[in-house]
Amino acid sequence: TRIFGVRAVAAGLGYLASPTSGQFRWPRLALMVDVTDTVHGTAHLIRGDIPRVSAVALVVLTGGYMSVGATRLAKDLARV
């Protein structure tokens, strides 16, 4: 769980520190990370190699972030 928090902070700092012209990349990078985290958590859930409660929490948390990111990306692409 700490790894996910560190990545979220790093993506946020990257977004804030980048010039305005480059800020569009950071939400897309965060979405990619959320997708891979959700798939990874789902694989753990299916394999049963970590406690079920932890795997479910991982999938729910990162899946929620993934949904928000995908919705934002769809809205951004619709405006173009």
N, C-alpha and C. Protein backbone atom coordinates (compact mmCIF):
# COMPACT_ATOMS: atom_id res chain seq x y z
N THR A 1 0.83 -1.19 0.00
CA THR A 1 0.00 0.00 0.00
C THR A 1 0.87 1.25 0.00
N ARG A 2 1.99 1.20 0.70
CA ARG A 2 2.88 2.36 0.72
C ARG A 2 3.41 2.70 -0.66
N ILE A 3 3.66 1.66 -1.46
CA ILE A 3 4.18 1.89 -2.81
C ILE A 3 3.19 2.72 -3.61
N PHE A 4 1.90 2.42 -3.49
CA PHE A 4 0.88 3.15 -4.24
C PHE A 4 0.83 4.60 -3.80
N GLY A 5 0.97 4.83 -2.51
CA GLY A 5 0.97 6.20 -2.00
C GLY A 5 2.16 6.99 -2.50
N VAL A 6 3.32 6.35 -2.53
CA VAL A 6 4.52 7.03 -3.01
C VAL A 6 4.38 7.37 -4.49
N ARG A 7 3.84 6.44 -5.27
CA ARG A 7 3.65 6.72 -6.70
C ARG A 7 2.66 7.85 -6.92
N ALA A 8 1.61 7.89 -6.11
CA ALA A 8 0.62 8.97 -6.24
C ALA A 8 1.24 10.32 -5.91
N VAL A 9 2.06 10.37 -4.87
CA VAL A 9 2.74 11.61 -4.50
C VAL A 9 3.71 12.02 -5.62
N ALA A 10 4.46 11.05 -6.15
CA ALA A 10 5.42 11.36 -7.22
C ALA A 10 4.70 11.89 -8.46
N ALA A 11 3.58 11.29 -8.82
CA ALA A 11 2.82 11.76 -9.98
C ALA A 11 2.27 13.17 -9.73
N GLY A 12 1.78 13.41 -8.52
CA GLY A 12 1.28 14.74 -8.18
C GLY A 12 2.36 15.80 -8.22
N LEU A 13 3.53 15.46 -7.67
CA LEU A 13 4.64 16.41 -7.70
C LEU A 13 5.13 16.64 -9.13
N GLY A 14 5.15 15.59 -9.93
CA GLY A 14 5.54 15.74 -11.33
C GLY A 14 4.59 16.66 -12.06
N TYR A 15 3.30 16.50 -11.79
CA TYR A 15 2.28 17.35 -12.41
C TYR A 15 2.49 18.81 -12.01
N LEU A 16 2.68 19.04 -10.72
CA LEU A 16 2.82 20.41 -10.23
C LEU A 16 4.13 21.05 -10.67
N ALA A 17 5.18 20.26 -10.82
CA ALA A 17 6.49 20.81 -11.17
C ALA A 17 6.70 20.98 -12.67
N SER A 18 5.85 20.34 -13.47
CA SER A 18 6.05 20.43 -14.92
C SER A 18 5.44 21.70 -15.49
N PRO A 19 5.96 22.16 -16.61
CA PRO A 19 5.36 23.34 -17.25
C PRO A 19 3.94 23.02 -17.70
N THR A 20 3.15 24.03 -17.84
CA THR A 20 1.74 23.84 -18.23
C THR A 20 1.60 23.00 -19.49
N SER A 21 2.49 23.18 -20.44
CA SER A 21 2.40 22.44 -21.70
C SER A 21 2.62 20.94 -21.51
N GLY A 22 3.27 20.53 -20.43
CA GLY A 22 3.54 19.11 -20.21
C GLY A 22 2.64 18.45 -19.18
N GLN A 23 1.74 19.21 -18.58
CA GLN A 23 0.91 18.66 -17.51
C GLN A 23 -0.09 17.61 -17.99
N PHE A 24 -0.43 17.60 -19.26
CA PHE A 24 -1.41 16.63 -19.75
C PHE A 24 -0.87 15.20 -19.63
N ARG A 25 0.44 15.03 -19.60
CA ARG A 25 1.03 13.69 -19.55
C ARG A 25 0.84 13.00 -18.21
N TRP A 26 0.84 13.76 -17.13
CA TRP A 26 0.83 13.17 -15.80
C TRP A 26 -0.45 12.41 -15.47
N PRO A 27 -1.64 12.93 -15.77
CA PRO A 27 -2.84 12.12 -15.51
C PRO A 27 -2.86 10.83 -16.34
N ARG A 28 -2.32 10.88 -17.54
CA ARG A 28 -2.26 9.67 -18.37
C ARG A 28 -1.29 8.65 -17.78
N LEU A 29 -0.18 9.12 -17.28
CA LEU A 29 0.77 8.23 -16.62
C LEU A 29 0.14 7.62 -15.36
N ALA A 30 -0.55 8.43 -14.60
CA ALA A 30 -1.23 7.93 -13.39
C ALA A 30 -2.28 6.89 -13.76
N LEU A 31 -3.01 7.11 -14.85
CA LEU A 31 -4.00 6.13 -15.30
C LEU A 31 -3.32 4.81 -15.66
N MET A 32 -2.20 4.88 -16.37
CA MET A 32 -1.49 3.67 -16.73
C MET A 32 -1.05 2.89 -15.48
N VAL A 33 -0.55 3.61 -14.48
CA VAL A 33 -0.13 2.97 -13.24
C VAL A 33 -1.34 2.35 -12.53
N ASP A 34 -2.48 3.06 -12.50
CA ASP A 34 -3.67 2.53 -11.86
C ASP A 34 -4.19 1.28 -12.57
N VAL A 35 -4.13 1.27 -13.89
CA VAL A 35 -4.55 0.08 -14.64
C VAL A 35 -3.67 -1.11 -14.29
N THR A 36 -2.35 -0.91 -14.31
CA THR A 36 -1.46 -2.04 -13.99
C THR A 36 -1.62 -2.48 -12.54
N ASP A 37 -1.82 -1.55 -11.61
CA ASP A 37 -2.03 -1.93 -10.22
C ASP A 37 -3.32 -2.73 -10.05
N THR A 38 -4.37 -2.33 -10.74
CA THR A 38 -5.65 -3.03 -10.64
C THR A 38 -5.54 -4.44 -11.22
N VAL A 39 -4.88 -4.56 -12.35
CA VAL A 39 -4.68 -5.89 -12.96
C VAL A 39 -3.83 -6.76 -12.04
N HIS A 40 -2.79 -6.17 -11.48
CA HIS A 40 -1.92 -6.90 -10.57
C HIS A 40 -2.70 -7.37 -9.33
N GLY A 41 -3.50 -6.48 -8.77
CA GLY A 41 -4.31 -6.85 -7.60
C GLY A 41 -5.32 -7.93 -7.93
N THR A 42 -5.91 -7.86 -9.11
CA THR A 42 -6.86 -8.88 -9.54
C THR A 42 -6.17 -10.24 -9.68
N ALA A 43 -4.96 -10.23 -10.21
CA ALA A 43 -4.20 -11.48 -10.32
C ALA A 43 -3.93 -12.08 -8.94
N HIS A 44 -3.56 -11.25 -7.97
CA HIS A 44 -3.36 -11.74 -6.60
C HIS A 44 -4.66 -12.30 -6.04
N LEU A 45 -5.75 -11.63 -6.32
CA LEU A 45 -7.05 -12.09 -5.83
C LEU A 45 -7.39 -13.45 -6.41
N ILE A 46 -7.15 -13.64 -7.69
CA ILE A 46 -7.44 -14.92 -8.35
C ILE A 46 -6.51 -16.03 -7.84
N ARG A 47 -5.22 -15.71 -7.73
CA ARG A 47 -4.25 -16.72 -7.27
C ARG A 47 -4.41 -17.04 -5.79
N GLY A 48 -4.86 -16.06 -5.01
CA GLY A 48 -5.02 -16.27 -3.58
C GLY A 48 -3.69 -16.31 -2.84
N ASP A 49 -2.66 -15.65 -3.36
CA ASP A 49 -1.34 -15.72 -2.75
C ASP A 49 -1.08 -14.62 -1.71
N ILE A 50 -2.02 -13.72 -1.53
CA ILE A 50 -1.96 -12.76 -0.44
C ILE A 50 -3.32 -12.79 0.25
N PRO A 51 -3.41 -12.28 1.47
CA PRO A 51 -4.70 -12.32 2.16
C PRO A 51 -5.81 -11.69 1.31
N ARG A 52 -6.95 -12.35 1.26
CA ARG A 52 -8.07 -11.92 0.43
C ARG A 52 -8.49 -10.49 0.73
N VAL A 53 -8.53 -10.11 1.99
CA VAL A 53 -8.94 -8.76 2.37
C VAL A 53 -7.98 -7.73 1.76
N SER A 54 -6.70 -8.01 1.78
CA SER A 54 -5.72 -7.09 1.20
C SER A 54 -5.89 -6.99 -0.30
N ALA A 55 -6.10 -8.12 -0.96
CA ALA A 55 -6.26 -8.12 -2.42
C ALA A 55 -7.53 -7.36 -2.82
N VAL A 56 -8.62 -7.58 -2.11
CA VAL A 56 -9.87 -6.87 -2.41
C VAL A 56 -9.68 -5.37 -2.21
N ALA A 57 -9.05 -4.99 -1.11
CA ALA A 57 -8.81 -3.56 -0.85
C ALA A 57 -7.97 -2.94 -1.96
N LEU A 58 -6.96 -3.66 -2.41
CA LEU A 58 -6.10 -3.17 -3.49
C LEU A 58 -6.90 -2.96 -4.77
N VAL A 59 -7.70 -3.93 -5.14
CA VAL A 59 -8.49 -3.84 -6.38
C VAL A 59 -9.53 -2.73 -6.28
N VAL A 60 -10.19 -2.62 -5.15
CA VAL A 60 -11.22 -1.57 -4.99
C VAL A 60 -10.58 -0.18 -5.03
N LEU A 61 -9.48 -0.01 -4.32
CA LEU A 61 -8.82 1.30 -4.26
C LEU A 61 -8.28 1.71 -5.62
N THR A 62 -7.47 0.86 -6.21
CA THR A 62 -6.87 1.23 -7.50
C THR A 62 -7.89 1.21 -8.62
N GLY A 63 -8.89 0.35 -8.51
CA GLY A 63 -9.96 0.34 -9.52
C GLY A 63 -10.77 1.63 -9.50
N GLY A 64 -10.96 2.18 -8.32
CA GLY A 64 -11.65 3.47 -8.22
C GLY A 64 -10.84 4.59 -8.86
N TYR A 65 -9.54 4.61 -8.56
CA TYR A 65 -8.67 5.61 -9.18
C TYR A 65 -8.63 5.43 -10.69
N MET A 66 -8.60 4.17 -11.13
CA MET A 66 -8.57 3.88 -12.55
C MET A 66 -9.85 4.40 -13.23
N SER A 67 -10.97 4.20 -12.59
CA SER A 67 -12.25 4.67 -13.15
C SER A 67 -12.29 6.19 -13.28
N VAL A 68 -11.82 6.87 -12.25
CA VAL A 68 -11.77 8.33 -12.29
C VAL A 68 -10.83 8.80 -13.40
N GLY A 69 -9.67 8.20 -13.49
CA GLY A 69 -8.71 8.57 -14.52
C GLY A 69 -9.21 8.31 -15.92
N ALA A 70 -9.87 7.17 -16.11
CA ALA A 70 -10.41 6.83 -17.43
C ALA A 70 -11.54 7.79 -17.82
N THR A 71 -12.36 8.16 -16.86
CA THR A 71 -13.42 9.13 -17.14
C THR A 71 -12.85 10.48 -17.52
N ARG A 72 -11.83 10.91 -16.80
CA ARG A 72 -11.19 12.19 -17.13
C ARG A 72 -10.56 12.15 -18.51
N LEU A 73 -9.88 11.06 -18.83
CA LEU A 73 -9.25 10.95 -20.14
C LEU A 73 -10.31 10.97 -21.25
N ALA A 74 -11.42 10.26 -21.04
CA ALA A 74 -12.50 10.25 -22.04
C ALA A 74 -13.06 11.65 -22.25
N LYS A 75 -13.24 12.41 -21.17
CA LYS A 75 -13.74 13.78 -21.28
C LYS A 75 -12.74 14.67 -22.01
N ASP A 76 -11.46 14.50 -21.68
CA ASP A 76 -10.42 15.30 -22.34
C ASP A 76 -10.36 14.99 -23.84
N LEU A 77 -10.46 13.74 -24.20
CA LEU A 77 -10.41 13.36 -25.61
C LEU A 77 -11.67 13.80 -26.37
N ALA A 78 -12.80 13.86 -25.68
CA ALA A 78 -14.04 14.30 -26.31
C ALA A 78 -14.01 15.79 -26.64
N ARG A 79 -13.23 16.56 -25.87
CA ARG A 79 -13.13 18.01 -26.09
C ARG A 79 -12.26 18.33 -27.29
N VAL A 80 -11.41 17.43 -27.69
CA VAL A 80 -10.47 17.71 -28.79
C VAL A 80 -11.15 17.66 -30.13
